[in-house]
């Protein structure tokens, strides 16, 4: 065969193979547009910003074929109705905190934070390598949802209080905004009246005196929300949230329709978002705390008797919930088995290193 004829026939063959391959590629990468409802106002540029980062990464990984438009709390549904919107198909995906919906099933609190539960790294380990993610998705399937961890706040602050807390008696009668109904049920046992409010509703309630105290996340967000203007005592730690785990919740029917490549993109981008959010909080909280103190925040640790009273109340509540809710017991048993060994290990290396470095900080 002459060279010119060979090239001509090869070109025809290549064109034919391309014609066959193109539809297959197109089918595996369809144009898909989803809407994401979130529980966060746009002003919270770490929680809401993490959602924007997630959407951006999905688009980049799919050559813009899969696009997810992000909406702030209230733009499609109120911030505390995201699970409902995903469940009924109003939106395909949402970013929220599972414990907002613990009124539907107390076991949902494990998806965000169990009071006196896990810290950030423990939560990551338990979800990814323990039973956590599988058990949570067993639970979420009841709501026609599948979820993936996407963002974590780190250990949270105990919040801003109008008055100083010296004893357990000082907690009695306080009206306090606290995330998650299980944390609220714990503090109610020491006399606090819990309130669950979305981020944008907290400041007006604190300013008007409708509530006496409020917790949100930590210094960076708390400074943005302006709590120090109306309450000065800033308590730590937020024992109800040794970490604040966020989730991407996806309508299960929509999830099943996705090509495998898009499912993988969601899982990968959710994991990247997890690191993006916790990394940013770790970077910005320290200077924000200094700023709050300069604005008049009075930093206080919860007194040991208060912590111990709340811990005792939490153990009593978990025993009761475990009797009545098989899924709560299943998750609690899994978490406890992991946490015991994890704390023993962290006490050896992590605590030893951190304690030494913190002592050295005061000498320089």
Protein backbone atom coordinates (compact mmCIF):
# COMPACT_ATOMS: atom_id res chain seq x y z
CA UNK A 1 0.00 0.00 0.00
CA UNK A 2 1.29 3.44 -0.91
CA UNK A 3 2.03 5.80 1.96
CA UNK A 4 -0.62 8.35 0.88
CA UNK A 5 -3.31 5.68 0.61
CA UNK A 6 -2.31 4.25 4.01
CA UNK A 7 -2.59 7.64 5.71
CA UNK A 8 -5.92 8.26 4.03
CA UNK A 9 -7.36 4.93 5.17
CA UNK A 10 -5.91 5.39 8.67
CA UNK A 11 -7.56 8.78 8.88
CA UNK A 12 -10.90 7.30 7.91
CA UNK A 13 -10.46 4.59 10.54
CA UNK A 14 -9.55 7.15 13.21
CA UNK A 15 -12.56 9.27 12.34
CA UNK A 16 -14.80 6.23 12.54
CA UNK A 17 -13.40 5.20 15.91
CA UNK A 18 -13.84 8.76 17.19
CA UNK A 19 -17.42 8.78 15.96
CA UNK A 20 -18.08 5.60 17.91
CA UNK A 21 -16.20 6.73 21.03
CA UNK A 22 -17.70 10.21 21.29
CA UNK A 23 -21.23 9.12 22.18
CA UNK A 24 -19.86 6.80 24.87
CA UNK A 25 -17.88 9.64 26.44
CA UNK A 26 -20.87 11.95 26.20
CA UNK A 27 -23.06 9.38 27.95
CA UNK A 28 -20.58 8.95 30.79
CA UNK A 29 -20.23 12.72 31.27
CA UNK A 30 -23.74 14.14 30.84
CA UNK A 31 -24.59 17.78 31.44
CA UNK A 32 -25.95 17.78 34.99
CA UNK A 33 -27.04 20.74 37.08
CA UNK A 34 -27.92 20.43 40.75
CA UNK A 35 -28.94 22.90 43.44
CA UNK A 36 -27.42 22.80 46.92
CA UNK A 37 -29.37 24.25 49.84
CA UNK A 38 -27.25 25.08 52.89
CA UNK A 39 -27.80 25.94 56.53
CA UNK A 40 -25.34 28.85 56.39
CA UNK A 41 -25.59 32.57 55.61
CA UNK A 42 -23.12 33.90 53.06
CA UNK A 43 -21.42 35.96 55.76
CA UNK A 44 -19.96 32.76 57.23
CA UNK A 45 -17.26 32.42 54.63
CA UNK A 46 -15.85 29.19 56.05
CA UNK A 47 -19.02 27.11 56.31
CA UNK A 48 -20.71 28.67 53.29
CA UNK A 49 -17.33 29.16 51.63
CA UNK A 50 -16.67 25.44 51.98
CA UNK A 51 -19.85 24.76 50.01
CA UNK A 52 -18.68 27.10 47.26
CA UNK A 53 -15.30 25.36 47.26
CA UNK A 54 -17.07 21.99 46.91
CA UNK A 55 -19.09 23.17 43.91
CA UNK A 56 -15.98 24.61 42.29
CA UNK A 57 -14.07 21.34 42.67
CA UNK A 58 -16.96 19.30 41.25
CA UNK A 59 -17.00 21.52 38.15
CA UNK A 60 -13.22 21.29 37.74
CA UNK A 61 -13.18 17.51 38.05
CA UNK A 62 -15.92 17.04 35.46
CA UNK A 63 -14.83 19.63 32.88
CA UNK A 64 -17.86 21.75 33.93
CA UNK A 65 -20.27 19.00 32.92
CA UNK A 66 -21.52 18.57 36.50
CA UNK A 67 -22.42 21.89 38.08
CA UNK A 68 -23.77 22.46 41.59
CA UNK A 69 -25.23 25.87 42.37
CA UNK A 70 -24.96 26.81 46.04
CA UNK A 71 -27.70 28.66 47.92
CA UNK A 72 -27.47 30.28 51.34
CA UNK A 73 -29.89 29.60 54.18
CA UNK A 74 -33.29 31.08 53.38
CA UNK A 75 -32.76 31.39 49.63
CA UNK A 76 -34.58 28.12 48.91
CA UNK A 77 -35.50 26.82 52.36
CA UNK A 78 -34.74 27.99 55.91
CA UNK A 79 -31.42 26.89 57.34
CA UNK A 80 -32.92 24.22 59.59
CA UNK A 81 -34.98 22.58 56.82
CA UNK A 82 -32.20 21.41 54.53
CA UNK A 83 -32.65 17.70 55.28
CA UNK A 84 -36.36 17.98 54.50
CA UNK A 85 -35.62 19.72 51.19
CA UNK A 86 -33.19 16.99 50.15
CA UNK A 87 -35.46 14.20 51.34
CA UNK A 88 -38.46 15.38 49.33
CA UNK A 89 -36.45 16.31 46.23
CA UNK A 90 -36.87 20.09 46.43
CA UNK A 91 -33.09 20.14 45.93
CA UNK A 92 -30.73 17.36 44.93
CA UNK A 93 -28.10 18.09 47.58
CA UNK A 94 -27.73 20.04 50.81
CA UNK A 95 -24.97 20.96 53.23
CA UNK A 96 -26.00 20.99 56.86
CA UNK A 97 -25.39 19.51 60.30
CA UNK A 98 -27.11 16.20 61.03
CA UNK A 99 -27.82 17.10 64.65
CA UNK A 100 -30.21 19.88 63.61
CA UNK A 101 -32.66 17.07 62.86
CA UNK A 102 -32.17 15.00 66.01
CA UNK A 103 -35.81 15.76 66.82
CA UNK A 104 -36.65 13.33 64.01
CA UNK A 105 -34.26 10.70 65.38
CA UNK A 106 -31.84 11.31 68.26
CA UNK A 107 -29.26 9.09 66.55
CA UNK A 108 -28.70 11.82 63.93
CA UNK A 109 -26.61 13.68 66.51
CA UNK A 110 -23.74 11.24 65.86
CA UNK A 111 -23.32 12.73 62.39
CA UNK A 112 -22.31 16.10 63.85
CA UNK A 113 -21.21 15.75 67.45
CA UNK A 114 -22.23 13.74 70.46
CA UNK A 115 -21.81 15.84 73.63
CA UNK A 116 -18.59 14.65 75.32
CA UNK A 117 -18.01 12.54 72.21
CA UNK A 118 -15.16 12.75 69.69
CA UNK A 119 -12.69 15.43 68.68
CA UNK A 120 -12.05 16.33 65.05
CA UNK A 121 -9.42 13.74 64.23
CA UNK A 122 -11.29 11.04 66.09
CA UNK A 123 -14.45 11.84 64.15
CA UNK A 124 -12.57 11.65 60.86
CA UNK A 125 -11.04 8.29 61.82
CA UNK A 126 -14.32 6.81 63.07
CA UNK A 127 -16.28 7.89 60.00
CA UNK A 128 -13.71 6.82 57.42
CA UNK A 129 -12.11 3.74 58.95
CA UNK A 130 -14.56 2.64 61.63
CA UNK A 131 -18.29 2.02 61.38
CA UNK A 132 -19.25 5.68 61.44
CA UNK A 133 -20.03 6.44 57.81
CA UNK A 134 -21.74 3.12 57.13
CA UNK A 135 -23.91 3.40 60.24
CA UNK A 136 -24.80 7.02 59.51
CA UNK A 137 -25.85 6.14 55.97
CA UNK A 138 -27.91 3.24 57.29
CA UNK A 139 -29.72 5.83 59.40
CA UNK A 140 -29.93 8.51 56.68
CA UNK A 141 -31.45 6.00 54.24
CA UNK A 142 -34.63 6.23 56.36
CA UNK A 143 -34.88 9.81 55.09
CA UNK A 144 -34.11 8.92 51.45
CA UNK A 145 -30.65 10.47 51.83
CA UNK A 146 -26.99 9.45 51.56
CA UNK A 147 -24.38 11.60 53.28
CA UNK A 148 -20.66 12.32 53.10
CA UNK A 149 -18.58 14.24 55.66
CA UNK A 150 -17.72 17.64 54.21
CA UNK A 151 -16.21 20.18 56.58
CA UNK A 152 -15.43 20.18 60.28
CA UNK A 153 -15.12 23.11 62.66
CA UNK A 154 -12.70 21.62 65.17
CA UNK A 155 -13.50 21.86 68.89
CA UNK A 156 -16.00 24.64 69.45
CA UNK A 157 -16.31 27.36 72.05
CA UNK A 158 -18.92 27.29 74.81
CA UNK A 159 -20.37 30.59 73.65
CA UNK A 160 -21.16 34.08 74.92
CA UNK A 161 -23.04 34.57 78.20
CA UNK A 162 -24.53 37.73 79.65
CA UNK A 163 -23.45 36.77 83.16
CA UNK A 164 -20.54 34.89 84.72
CA UNK A 165 -21.01 31.19 85.42
CA UNK A 166 -19.43 30.14 88.71
CA UNK A 167 -21.60 27.23 89.82
CA UNK A 168 -24.14 24.80 88.41
CA UNK A 169 -26.86 26.93 90.03
CA UNK A 170 -25.85 29.82 87.76
CA UNK A 171 -26.98 27.72 84.80
CA UNK A 172 -30.53 27.35 86.08
CA UNK A 173 -33.14 29.28 84.15
CA UNK A 174 -30.73 30.49 81.43
CA UNK A 175 -32.24 30.59 77.97
CA UNK A 176 -29.44 29.46 75.67
CA UNK A 177 -29.11 28.91 71.95
CA UNK A 178 -27.37 25.56 71.46
CA UNK A 179 -27.03 23.44 68.35
CA UNK A 180 -28.65 20.01 68.29
CA UNK A 181 -31.51 18.75 70.38
CA UNK A 182 -29.39 16.15 72.21
CA UNK A 183 -27.03 18.82 73.55
CA UNK A 184 -30.12 20.79 74.49
CA UNK A 185 -31.55 17.82 76.35
CA UNK A 186 -28.29 17.47 78.30
CA UNK A 187 -28.14 21.10 79.44
CA UNK A 188 -31.84 21.10 80.26
CA UNK A 189 -31.01 18.53 82.96
CA UNK A 190 -28.90 21.12 84.74
CA UNK A 191 -31.61 23.78 84.46
CA UNK A 192 -30.85 25.53 81.15
CA UNK A 193 -33.70 26.27 78.75
CA UNK A 194 -32.31 25.31 75.30
CA UNK A 195 -33.19 27.18 72.13
CA UNK A 196 -32.36 26.09 68.59
CA UNK A 197 -31.85 29.01 66.21
CA UNK A 198 -30.24 29.33 62.79
CA UNK A 199 -27.09 31.47 62.59
CA UNK A 200 -28.80 34.59 61.29
CA UNK A 201 -31.40 34.58 64.08
CA UNK A 202 -29.00 34.37 67.02
CA UNK A 203 -27.75 37.96 67.33
CA UNK A 204 -31.22 39.60 67.34
CA UNK A 205 -32.39 37.16 70.02
CA UNK A 206 -29.32 37.81 72.17
CA UNK A 207 -29.59 41.57 71.67
CA UNK A 208 -33.27 41.67 72.64
CA UNK A 209 -32.75 39.44 75.65
CA UNK A 210 -34.92 36.68 74.24
CA UNK A 211 -31.95 34.43 75.06
CA UNK A 212 -29.28 34.86 77.74
CA UNK A 213 -26.44 32.98 76.07
CA UNK A 214 -25.52 31.64 72.66
CA UNK A 215 -22.95 29.37 71.13
CA UNK A 216 -22.18 29.07 67.46
CA UNK A 217 -18.76 27.76 66.38
CA UNK A 218 -15.66 29.63 67.48
CA UNK A 219 -13.88 33.00 67.46
CA UNK A 220 -13.81 33.60 63.70
CA UNK A 221 -17.54 33.13 63.16
CA UNK A 222 -18.53 34.51 66.56
CA UNK A 223 -16.71 37.77 65.81
CA UNK A 224 -18.48 38.03 62.45
CA UNK A 225 -21.85 37.48 64.10
CA UNK A 226 -21.12 40.25 66.62
CA UNK A 227 -22.03 38.43 69.85
CA UNK A 228 -19.43 40.33 71.90
CA UNK A 229 -21.46 43.52 71.43
CA UNK A 230 -24.30 42.18 73.57
CA UNK A 231 -22.68 39.57 75.83
CA UNK A 232 -19.15 39.65 77.27
CA UNK A 233 -18.38 36.34 79.02
CA UNK A 234 -16.87 33.94 76.48
CA UNK A 235 -16.79 30.36 77.72
CA UNK A 236 -14.90 27.25 76.68
CA UNK A 237 -14.89 24.40 75.83
CA UNK A 238 -18.07 23.68 73.90
CA UNK A 239 -18.29 20.19 75.39
CA UNK A 240 -21.39 19.44 73.29
CA UNK A 241 -19.19 19.78 70.21
CA UNK A 242 -15.69 18.40 70.58
CA UNK A 243 -15.93 18.84 66.83
CA UNK A 244 -18.66 20.13 64.54
CA UNK A 245 -19.02 17.73 61.62
CA UNK A 246 -20.87 18.96 58.53
CA UNK A 247 -22.37 16.71 55.86
CA UNK A 248 -23.25 16.85 52.21
CA UNK A 249 -26.68 15.20 52.10
CA UNK A 250 -27.81 13.86 48.73
CA UNK A 251 -31.26 12.70 47.67
CA UNK A 252 -30.88 8.93 47.37
CA UNK A 253 -32.88 8.66 44.13
CA UNK A 254 -30.75 11.38 42.51
CA UNK A 255 -27.58 9.72 43.79
CA UNK A 256 -28.52 6.42 42.14
CA UNK A 257 -29.02 8.21 38.81
CA UNK A 258 -25.49 9.66 38.75
CA UNK A 259 -22.73 8.16 36.60
CA UNK A 260 -20.00 6.45 38.59
CA UNK A 261 -17.53 9.22 37.73
CA UNK A 262 -19.82 11.87 39.23
CA UNK A 263 -20.33 9.82 42.37
CA UNK A 264 -16.55 9.60 42.74
CA UNK A 265 -16.24 13.35 42.18
CA UNK A 266 -18.71 14.00 45.01
CA UNK A 267 -16.86 11.71 47.40
CA UNK A 268 -13.45 13.20 46.53
CA UNK A 269 -14.64 16.82 46.64
CA UNK A 270 -16.43 16.20 49.95
CA UNK A 271 -13.17 14.92 51.42
CA UNK A 272 -11.25 17.91 50.08
CA UNK A 273 -13.86 20.24 51.53
CA UNK A 274 -13.49 18.57 54.92
CA UNK A 275 -9.80 19.50 54.95
CA UNK A 276 -10.42 22.99 53.53
CA UNK A 277 -12.92 23.93 56.25
CA UNK A 278 -11.01 22.60 59.26
CA UNK A 279 -7.74 24.01 57.92
CA UNK A 280 -9.20 27.46 57.49
CA UNK A 281 -10.76 27.46 60.96
CA UNK A 282 -7.45 26.41 62.49
CA UNK A 283 -5.75 29.30 60.72
CA UNK A 284 -8.24 32.09 61.41
CA UNK A 285 -9.52 31.32 64.92
CA UNK A 286 -6.35 32.38 66.76
CA UNK A 287 -6.23 35.99 65.48
CA UNK A 288 -10.01 36.22 65.81
CA UNK A 289 -9.80 35.30 69.50
CA UNK A 290 -7.27 38.09 70.07
CA UNK A 291 -9.61 40.50 68.29
CA UNK A 292 -12.59 39.47 70.43
CA UNK A 293 -10.61 39.99 73.62
CA UNK A 294 -9.58 43.44 72.41
CA UNK A 295 -13.29 44.17 71.86
CA UNK A 296 -14.16 43.30 75.46
CA UNK A 297 -14.68 39.54 75.51
CA UNK A 298 -13.89 38.06 78.92
CA UNK A 299 -12.46 34.58 78.38
CA UNK A 300 -13.55 31.99 80.94
CA UNK A 301 -13.30 28.21 81.30
CA UNK A 302 -16.44 26.40 82.42
CA UNK A 303 -15.91 25.51 86.10
CA UNK A 304 -15.05 21.86 86.67
CA UNK A 305 -18.24 21.19 88.68
CA UNK A 306 -20.32 22.50 85.77
CA UNK A 307 -18.53 20.22 83.30
CA UNK A 308 -18.89 17.23 85.60
CA UNK A 309 -22.59 17.87 86.17
CA UNK A 310 -23.20 18.10 82.43
CA UNK A 311 -21.12 14.97 81.79
CA UNK A 312 -23.16 13.03 84.37
CA UNK A 313 -26.38 14.27 82.77
CA UNK A 314 -25.16 13.19 79.33
CA UNK A 315 -24.40 9.64 80.48
CA UNK A 316 -27.84 9.32 82.04
CA UNK A 317 -29.49 10.53 78.82
CA UNK A 318 -27.46 8.16 76.60
CA UNK A 319 -28.44 5.19 78.77
CA UNK A 320 -32.11 6.13 78.34
CA UNK A 321 -31.83 6.71 74.59
CA UNK A 322 -29.97 3.43 74.10
CA UNK A 323 -32.88 1.55 75.68
CA UNK A 324 -35.50 3.14 73.45
CA UNK A 325 -33.62 3.71 70.17
CA UNK A 326 -31.76 0.69 68.68
CA UNK A 327 -29.94 2.85 66.12
CA UNK A 328 -28.74 5.23 68.82
CA UNK A 329 -27.38 2.26 70.79
CA UNK A 330 -25.70 0.85 67.68
CA UNK A 331 -23.90 4.12 66.96
CA UNK A 332 -23.10 4.77 70.61
CA UNK A 333 -21.56 1.33 71.14
CA UNK A 334 -19.42 1.78 68.03
CA UNK A 335 -18.27 5.26 69.08
CA UNK A 336 -17.45 4.16 72.64
CA UNK A 337 -15.38 1.19 71.53
CA UNK A 338 -13.28 3.40 69.26
CA UNK A 339 -13.03 6.36 71.64
CA UNK A 340 -11.62 4.36 74.53
CA UNK A 341 -8.58 3.16 72.59
CA UNK A 342 -8.20 6.47 70.78
CA UNK A 343 -8.04 8.49 74.00
CA UNK A 344 -5.45 6.13 75.44
CA UNK A 345 -3.30 6.54 72.34
CA UNK A 346 -3.75 10.33 72.11
CA UNK A 347 -2.70 10.66 75.74
CA UNK A 348 0.69 9.17 74.84
CA UNK A 349 1.96 11.15 71.86
CA UNK A 350 -0.47 13.92 70.99
CA UNK A 351 -1.10 15.15 74.52
CA UNK A 352 2.55 14.82 75.46
CA UNK A 353 3.70 16.86 72.48
CA UNK A 354 0.96 19.50 72.70
CA UNK A 355 1.37 20.00 76.45
CA UNK A 356 5.12 20.45 76.10
CA UNK A 357 4.79 22.93 73.23
CA UNK A 358 2.21 24.97 75.11
CA UNK A 359 4.53 25.21 78.10
CA UNK A 360 7.37 26.33 75.82
CA UNK A 361 5.10 28.98 74.27
CA UNK A 362 4.86 30.75 77.64
CA UNK A 363 8.66 30.87 77.95
CA UNK A 364 9.39 32.62 74.68
